[in-house]
């Protein structure tokens, strides 16, 4: 039997913060990735030594961020799986990125930080959402 537990104010406040950050993060990721992929040459120059598959991944992941944020806002259990998928896919991209730079490709150090931040954020979101879903079972 499924019983719903009302969120405490503290839980609700944290969920709102996570949703807000995920939404902003998603739109910013789509815009910045889109500028590099589809924008003027100046945007690509400003991006420096970017790795194309990382930019493509980030651009597409931005849409998943928005979907996950929407699901979290609506308190949908599937949002946990979206967040977990984002974290897992980001981890795979980090491995591919590391392999690429070990093989000698030029890269921007800020990409290391950005990928790490993305992975940590979505891993925390997935674990937090997962624990909430487990409490409701």
N, C-alpha and C. Protein backbone atom coordinates (compact mmCIF):
# COMPACT_ATOMS: atom_id res chain seq x y z
N UNK A 1 0.84 -1.18 0.00
CA UNK A 1 0.00 0.00 0.00
C UNK A 1 0.88 1.24 0.00
N UNK A 2 0.60 2.14 -0.88
CA UNK A 2 1.37 3.38 -1.01
C UNK A 2 0.74 4.46 -0.13
N UNK A 3 1.54 4.96 0.76
CA UNK A 3 1.07 6.08 1.58
C UNK A 3 1.94 7.27 1.30
N UNK A 4 1.32 8.38 1.18
CA UNK A 4 2.05 9.61 0.89
C UNK A 4 2.39 10.33 2.18
N UNK A 5 3.64 10.76 2.27
CA UNK A 5 4.08 11.52 3.43
C UNK A 5 4.24 12.96 3.02
N UNK A 6 3.55 13.86 3.70
CA UNK A 6 3.71 15.25 3.34
C UNK A 6 5.14 15.70 3.60
N UNK A 7 5.63 16.56 2.73
CA UNK A 7 6.97 17.10 2.91
C UNK A 7 6.97 18.09 4.06
N UNK A 8 8.01 18.03 4.86
CA UNK A 8 8.16 19.06 5.88
C UNK A 8 8.59 20.33 5.16
N UNK A 9 8.49 21.46 5.84
CA UNK A 9 8.92 22.72 5.23
C UNK A 9 10.37 22.65 4.79
N UNK A 10 11.22 22.03 5.60
CA UNK A 10 12.63 21.91 5.28
C UNK A 10 12.83 21.10 4.00
N UNK A 11 12.14 19.95 3.89
CA UNK A 11 12.24 19.12 2.69
C UNK A 11 11.72 19.86 1.47
N UNK A 12 10.63 20.56 1.64
CA UNK A 12 10.03 21.31 0.54
C UNK A 12 10.96 22.43 0.08
N UNK A 13 11.58 23.10 1.03
CA UNK A 13 12.51 24.18 0.68
C UNK A 13 13.71 23.65 -0.09
N UNK A 14 14.26 22.51 0.34
CA UNK A 14 15.39 21.91 -0.36
C UNK A 14 14.98 21.47 -1.76
N UNK A 15 13.80 20.90 -1.89
CA UNK A 15 13.34 20.48 -3.21
C UNK A 15 13.20 21.68 -4.13
N UNK A 16 12.66 22.76 -3.62
CA UNK A 16 12.52 23.98 -4.44
C UNK A 16 13.88 24.51 -4.88
N UNK A 17 14.85 24.48 -3.98
CA UNK A 17 16.20 24.95 -4.33
C UNK A 17 16.82 24.06 -5.40
N UNK A 18 16.70 22.74 -5.22
CA UNK A 18 17.25 21.80 -6.20
C UNK A 18 16.59 21.99 -7.56
N UNK A 19 15.27 22.14 -7.56
CA UNK A 19 14.54 22.34 -8.81
C UNK A 19 14.97 23.64 -9.48
N UNK A 20 15.11 24.69 -8.70
CA UNK A 20 15.53 25.98 -9.27
C UNK A 20 16.93 25.89 -9.87
N UNK A 21 17.85 25.29 -9.13
CA UNK A 21 19.23 25.16 -9.63
C UNK A 21 19.25 24.29 -10.87
N UNK A 22 18.55 23.16 -10.84
CA UNK A 22 18.52 22.26 -12.00
C UNK A 22 17.93 22.94 -13.23
N UNK A 23 16.89 23.73 -13.02
CA UNK A 23 16.25 24.43 -14.14
C UNK A 23 17.19 25.48 -14.74
N UNK A 24 17.78 26.30 -13.89
CA UNK A 24 18.72 27.32 -14.37
C UNK A 24 19.90 26.65 -15.05
N UNK A 25 20.43 25.61 -14.42
CA UNK A 25 21.54 24.84 -14.95
C UNK A 25 21.19 24.29 -16.33
N UNK A 26 19.97 23.77 -16.48
CA UNK A 26 19.53 23.21 -17.75
C UNK A 26 19.46 24.24 -18.85
N UNK A 27 18.79 25.36 -18.56
CA UNK A 27 18.68 26.41 -19.59
C UNK A 27 20.05 27.00 -19.93
N UNK A 28 20.89 27.22 -18.93
CA UNK A 28 22.23 27.76 -19.18
C UNK A 28 23.06 26.79 -20.02
N UNK A 29 22.91 25.51 -19.75
CA UNK A 29 23.66 24.49 -20.49
C UNK A 29 23.20 24.42 -21.95
N UNK A 30 21.91 24.48 -22.17
CA UNK A 30 21.39 24.47 -23.55
C UNK A 30 21.87 25.71 -24.30
N UNK A 31 21.79 26.85 -23.66
CA UNK A 31 22.19 28.10 -24.33
C UNK A 31 23.69 28.12 -24.62
N UNK A 32 24.51 27.79 -23.61
CA UNK A 32 25.95 27.85 -23.83
C UNK A 32 26.41 26.80 -24.84
N UNK A 33 25.89 25.57 -24.72
CA UNK A 33 26.25 24.54 -25.69
C UNK A 33 25.75 24.88 -27.08
N UNK A 34 24.54 25.40 -27.15
CA UNK A 34 23.98 25.80 -28.45
C UNK A 34 24.78 26.90 -29.10
N UNK A 35 25.27 27.84 -28.30
CA UNK A 35 26.10 28.92 -28.86
C UNK A 35 27.38 28.37 -29.47
N UNK A 36 28.01 27.41 -28.80
CA UNK A 36 29.25 26.83 -29.33
C UNK A 36 28.94 26.00 -30.58
N UNK A 37 27.88 25.21 -30.53
CA UNK A 37 27.57 24.31 -31.64
C UNK A 37 26.98 25.02 -32.86
N UNK A 38 26.11 25.99 -32.61
CA UNK A 38 25.34 26.59 -33.70
C UNK A 38 25.56 28.09 -33.86
N UNK A 39 26.32 28.68 -32.96
CA UNK A 39 26.49 30.13 -32.97
C UNK A 39 27.61 30.58 -33.87
N UNK A 40 27.95 31.82 -33.68
CA UNK A 40 29.00 32.45 -34.48
C UNK A 40 30.37 31.83 -34.15
N UNK A 41 31.30 32.01 -35.06
CA UNK A 41 32.66 31.51 -34.88
C UNK A 41 33.27 32.07 -33.59
N UNK A 42 32.88 33.26 -33.23
CA UNK A 42 33.41 33.89 -32.01
C UNK A 42 33.07 33.04 -30.78
N UNK A 43 31.90 32.44 -30.73
CA UNK A 43 31.52 31.59 -29.59
C UNK A 43 32.44 30.37 -29.50
N UNK A 44 32.77 29.80 -30.64
CA UNK A 44 33.69 28.65 -30.64
C UNK A 44 35.09 29.08 -30.23
N UNK A 45 35.51 30.26 -30.66
CA UNK A 45 36.82 30.77 -30.25
C UNK A 45 36.87 31.00 -28.75
N UNK A 46 35.80 31.57 -28.20
CA UNK A 46 35.76 31.81 -26.76
C UNK A 46 35.75 30.51 -25.96
N UNK A 47 35.22 29.45 -26.56
CA UNK A 47 35.19 28.15 -25.88
C UNK A 47 36.58 27.54 -25.77
N UNK A 48 37.49 28.00 -26.61
CA UNK A 48 38.87 27.50 -26.54
C UNK A 48 39.00 26.10 -27.10
N UNK A 49 39.83 25.30 -26.44
CA UNK A 49 40.10 23.92 -26.88
C UNK A 49 39.04 22.98 -26.34
N UNK A 50 37.87 23.09 -26.90
CA UNK A 50 36.78 22.24 -26.43
C UNK A 50 36.80 20.91 -27.16
N UNK A 51 36.25 19.90 -26.50
CA UNK A 51 36.13 18.56 -27.08
C UNK A 51 34.69 18.45 -27.60
N UNK A 52 34.50 18.31 -28.92
CA UNK A 52 33.15 18.35 -29.49
C UNK A 52 32.13 17.41 -28.83
N UNK A 53 32.50 16.16 -28.55
CA UNK A 53 31.50 15.25 -27.97
C UNK A 53 31.06 15.71 -26.58
N UNK A 54 31.93 16.39 -25.86
CA UNK A 54 31.56 16.90 -24.54
C UNK A 54 30.54 18.03 -24.69
N UNK A 55 30.76 18.90 -25.66
CA UNK A 55 29.82 20.01 -25.89
C UNK A 55 28.47 19.46 -26.33
N UNK A 56 28.48 18.48 -27.24
CA UNK A 56 27.22 17.87 -27.67
C UNK A 56 26.49 17.21 -26.50
N UNK A 57 27.24 16.47 -25.70
CA UNK A 57 26.63 15.82 -24.54
C UNK A 57 26.01 16.87 -23.62
N UNK A 58 26.77 17.89 -23.29
CA UNK A 58 26.26 18.93 -22.38
C UNK A 58 25.02 19.60 -22.96
N UNK A 59 25.05 19.90 -24.23
CA UNK A 59 23.90 20.55 -24.88
C UNK A 59 22.65 19.68 -24.74
N UNK A 60 22.78 18.41 -25.10
CA UNK A 60 21.63 17.50 -25.02
C UNK A 60 21.23 17.22 -23.57
N UNK A 61 22.21 17.12 -22.69
CA UNK A 61 21.92 16.88 -21.28
C UNK A 61 21.15 18.04 -20.67
N UNK A 62 21.36 19.25 -21.18
CA UNK A 62 20.62 20.40 -20.67
C UNK A 62 19.11 20.19 -20.76
N UNK A 63 18.66 19.56 -21.83
CA UNK A 63 17.23 19.27 -21.97
C UNK A 63 16.79 18.25 -20.91
N UNK A 64 17.65 17.26 -20.65
CA UNK A 64 17.34 16.26 -19.62
C UNK A 64 17.29 16.93 -18.25
N UNK A 65 18.15 17.93 -18.02
CA UNK A 65 18.13 18.65 -16.74
C UNK A 65 16.76 19.30 -16.53
N UNK A 66 16.25 19.90 -17.59
CA UNK A 66 14.95 20.59 -17.51
C UNK A 66 13.83 19.57 -17.27
N UNK A 67 13.91 18.43 -17.96
CA UNK A 67 12.91 17.38 -17.76
C UNK A 67 12.97 16.86 -16.33
N UNK A 68 14.18 16.60 -15.83
CA UNK A 68 14.32 16.12 -14.45
C UNK A 68 13.79 17.14 -13.45
N UNK A 69 14.12 18.41 -13.67
CA UNK A 69 13.65 19.47 -12.77
C UNK A 69 12.12 19.52 -12.76
N UNK A 70 11.52 19.39 -13.93
CA UNK A 70 10.06 19.39 -14.02
C UNK A 70 9.47 18.21 -13.24
N UNK A 71 10.05 17.03 -13.41
CA UNK A 71 9.58 15.86 -12.68
C UNK A 71 9.76 16.00 -11.18
N UNK A 72 10.87 16.59 -10.77
CA UNK A 72 11.09 16.82 -9.34
C UNK A 72 10.08 17.82 -8.79
N UNK A 73 9.81 18.86 -9.56
CA UNK A 73 8.83 19.86 -9.13
C UNK A 73 7.45 19.24 -8.96
N UNK A 74 7.11 18.34 -9.90
CA UNK A 74 5.81 17.68 -9.85
C UNK A 74 5.81 16.46 -8.93
N UNK A 75 6.96 16.20 -8.30
CA UNK A 75 7.09 15.10 -7.35
C UNK A 75 6.83 13.75 -8.00
N UNK A 76 7.35 13.57 -9.21
CA UNK A 76 7.16 12.32 -9.96
C UNK A 76 8.30 11.34 -9.68
N UNK A 77 7.99 10.10 -9.37
CA UNK A 77 9.05 9.11 -9.10
C UNK A 77 10.03 8.93 -10.27
N UNK A 78 9.56 9.07 -11.51
CA UNK A 78 10.45 8.88 -12.65
C UNK A 78 11.57 9.91 -12.69
N UNK A 79 11.39 11.03 -12.02
CA UNK A 79 12.44 12.05 -11.99
C UNK A 79 13.71 11.52 -11.35
N UNK A 80 13.55 10.58 -10.41
CA UNK A 80 14.71 9.95 -9.78
C UNK A 80 15.53 9.21 -10.83
N UNK A 81 14.85 8.49 -11.71
CA UNK A 81 15.55 7.74 -12.76
C UNK A 81 16.21 8.66 -13.77
N UNK A 82 15.57 9.78 -14.08
CA UNK A 82 16.17 10.74 -15.00
C UNK A 82 17.44 11.31 -14.37
N UNK A 83 17.37 11.69 -13.10
CA UNK A 83 18.55 12.23 -12.40
C UNK A 83 19.67 11.19 -12.34
N UNK A 84 19.31 9.96 -12.05
CA UNK A 84 20.31 8.88 -12.00
C UNK A 84 20.94 8.65 -13.37
N UNK A 85 20.12 8.69 -14.42
CA UNK A 85 20.62 8.52 -15.79
C UNK A 85 21.56 9.66 -16.16
N UNK A 86 21.22 10.89 -15.78
CA UNK A 86 22.09 12.04 -16.05
C UNK A 86 23.43 11.84 -15.35
N UNK A 87 23.40 11.46 -14.07
CA UNK A 87 24.65 11.26 -13.33
C UNK A 87 25.49 10.15 -13.97
N UNK A 88 24.85 9.04 -14.31
CA UNK A 88 25.58 7.93 -14.93
C UNK A 88 26.15 8.28 -16.29
N UNK A 89 25.36 8.95 -17.10
CA UNK A 89 25.84 9.36 -18.43
C UNK A 89 26.99 10.36 -18.30
N UNK A 90 26.90 11.25 -17.33
CA UNK A 90 27.97 12.22 -17.11
C UNK A 90 29.25 11.51 -16.69
N UNK A 91 29.12 10.49 -15.85
CA UNK A 91 30.30 9.71 -15.44
C UNK A 91 30.95 9.05 -16.65
N UNK A 92 30.15 8.52 -17.56
CA UNK A 92 30.70 7.90 -18.78
C UNK A 92 31.40 8.94 -19.66
N UNK A 93 30.83 10.12 -19.75
CA UNK A 93 31.46 11.18 -20.55
C UNK A 93 32.77 11.62 -19.90
N UNK A 94 32.80 11.65 -18.56
CA UNK A 94 34.05 11.98 -17.86
C UNK A 94 35.13 10.96 -18.21
N UNK A 95 34.78 9.69 -18.24
CA UNK A 95 35.76 8.65 -18.60
C UNK A 95 36.24 8.81 -20.05
N UNK A 96 35.31 9.09 -20.95
CA UNK A 96 35.68 9.29 -22.35
C UNK A 96 36.54 10.55 -22.50
N UNK A 97 36.18 11.60 -21.77
CA UNK A 97 36.95 12.85 -21.80
C UNK A 97 38.36 12.60 -21.27
N UNK A 98 38.47 11.88 -20.16
CA UNK A 98 39.79 11.58 -19.59
C UNK A 98 40.63 10.79 -20.57
N UNK A 99 40.02 9.81 -21.23
CA UNK A 99 40.74 9.02 -22.23
C UNK A 99 41.22 9.91 -23.38
N UNK A 100 40.37 10.83 -23.80
CA UNK A 100 40.72 11.74 -24.89
C UNK A 100 41.90 12.62 -24.52
N UNK A 101 41.90 13.17 -23.31
CA UNK A 101 43.01 14.07 -22.95
C UNK A 101 44.29 13.29 -22.65
N UNK A 102 44.15 12.06 -22.13
CA UNK A 102 45.34 11.22 -21.91
C UNK A 102 46.01 10.90 -23.23
N UNK A 103 45.21 10.80 -24.27
CA UNK A 103 45.75 10.52 -25.62
C UNK A 103 46.35 11.77 -26.28
N UNK A 104 46.31 12.89 -25.57
CA UNK A 104 47.01 14.07 -26.07
C UNK A 104 46.17 15.19 -26.64
N UNK A 105 44.86 15.09 -26.59
CA UNK A 105 44.02 16.17 -27.12
C UNK A 105 44.12 17.41 -26.23
N UNK A 106 44.13 18.54 -26.87
CA UNK A 106 44.10 19.81 -26.13
C UNK A 106 42.72 19.95 -25.49
N UNK A 107 42.68 20.56 -24.32
CA UNK A 107 41.41 20.73 -23.61
C UNK A 107 41.50 21.96 -22.72
N UNK A 108 40.34 22.36 -22.24
CA UNK A 108 40.25 23.47 -21.31
C UNK A 108 40.11 22.91 -19.90
N UNK A 109 40.89 23.41 -18.97
CA UNK A 109 40.81 22.93 -17.59
C UNK A 109 39.43 23.18 -17.00
N UNK A 110 38.76 24.23 -17.46
CA UNK A 110 37.42 24.52 -16.92
C UNK A 110 36.44 23.39 -17.24
N UNK A 111 36.73 22.61 -18.28
CA UNK A 111 35.87 21.47 -18.62
C UNK A 111 35.94 20.41 -17.52
N UNK A 112 37.13 20.22 -16.97
CA UNK A 112 37.29 19.25 -15.87
C UNK A 112 36.39 19.66 -14.70
N UNK A 113 36.45 20.94 -14.34
CA UNK A 113 35.63 21.44 -13.24
C UNK A 113 34.15 21.36 -13.55
N UNK A 114 33.77 21.73 -14.77
CA UNK A 114 32.36 21.74 -15.15
C UNK A 114 31.78 20.32 -15.14
N UNK A 115 32.52 19.36 -15.69
CA UNK A 115 32.02 17.98 -15.69
C UNK A 115 31.93 17.43 -14.27
N UNK A 116 32.91 17.76 -13.45
CA UNK A 116 32.89 17.30 -12.05
C UNK A 116 31.69 17.87 -11.32
N UNK A 117 31.45 19.15 -11.50
CA UNK A 117 30.31 19.81 -10.85
C UNK A 117 29.00 19.19 -11.31
N UNK A 118 28.86 18.97 -12.60
CA UNK A 118 27.64 18.37 -13.14
C UNK A 118 27.40 16.98 -12.55
N UNK A 119 28.46 16.17 -12.52
CA UNK A 119 28.31 14.82 -11.97
C UNK A 119 27.93 14.87 -10.50
N UNK A 120 28.63 15.66 -9.71
CA UNK A 120 28.35 15.73 -8.28
C UNK A 120 26.93 16.22 -8.02
N UNK A 121 26.51 17.27 -8.73
CA UNK A 121 25.17 17.80 -8.55
C UNK A 121 24.12 16.74 -8.82
N UNK A 122 24.22 16.06 -9.97
CA UNK A 122 23.18 15.09 -10.34
C UNK A 122 23.26 13.82 -9.51
N UNK A 123 24.45 13.45 -9.05
CA UNK A 123 24.54 12.31 -8.15
C UNK A 123 23.83 12.61 -6.83
N UNK A 124 24.03 13.81 -6.31
CA UNK A 124 23.35 14.21 -5.06
C UNK A 124 21.84 14.28 -5.28
N UNK A 125 21.42 14.86 -6.40
CA UNK A 125 19.99 14.94 -6.69
C UNK A 125 19.40 13.53 -6.78
N UNK A 126 20.08 12.64 -7.49
CA UNK A 126 19.56 11.27 -7.65
C UNK A 126 19.49 10.55 -6.31
N UNK A 127 20.51 10.69 -5.47
CA UNK A 127 20.49 10.02 -4.17
C UNK A 127 19.40 10.60 -3.27
N UNK A 128 19.24 11.91 -3.32
CA UNK A 128 18.21 12.56 -2.50
C UNK A 128 16.82 12.13 -2.96
N UNK A 129 16.59 12.15 -4.26
CA UNK A 129 15.28 11.75 -4.80
C UNK A 129 15.03 10.27 -4.54
N UNK A 130 16.07 9.45 -4.66
CA UNK A 130 15.92 8.01 -4.44
C UNK A 130 15.53 7.72 -3.00
N UNK A 131 16.15 8.42 -2.06
CA UNK A 131 15.81 8.17 -0.66
C UNK A 131 14.38 8.59 -0.37
N UNK A 132 13.90 9.62 -1.04
CA UNK A 132 12.51 10.06 -0.88
C UNK A 132 11.55 9.00 -1.41
N UNK A 133 11.86 8.45 -2.58
CA UNK A 133 11.01 7.43 -3.18
C UNK A 133 10.99 6.19 -2.29
N UNK A 134 12.13 5.80 -1.74
CA UNK A 134 12.19 4.63 -0.86
C UNK A 134 11.35 4.83 0.39
N UNK A 135 11.36 6.06 0.95
CA UNK A 135 10.56 6.34 2.14
C UNK A 135 9.08 6.19 1.86
N UNK A 136 8.68 6.43 0.61
CA UNK A 136 7.26 6.37 0.27
C UNK A 136 6.78 4.96 -0.04
N UNK A 137 7.70 4.03 -0.25
CA UNK A 137 7.30 2.66 -0.61
C UNK A 137 6.76 1.90 0.56
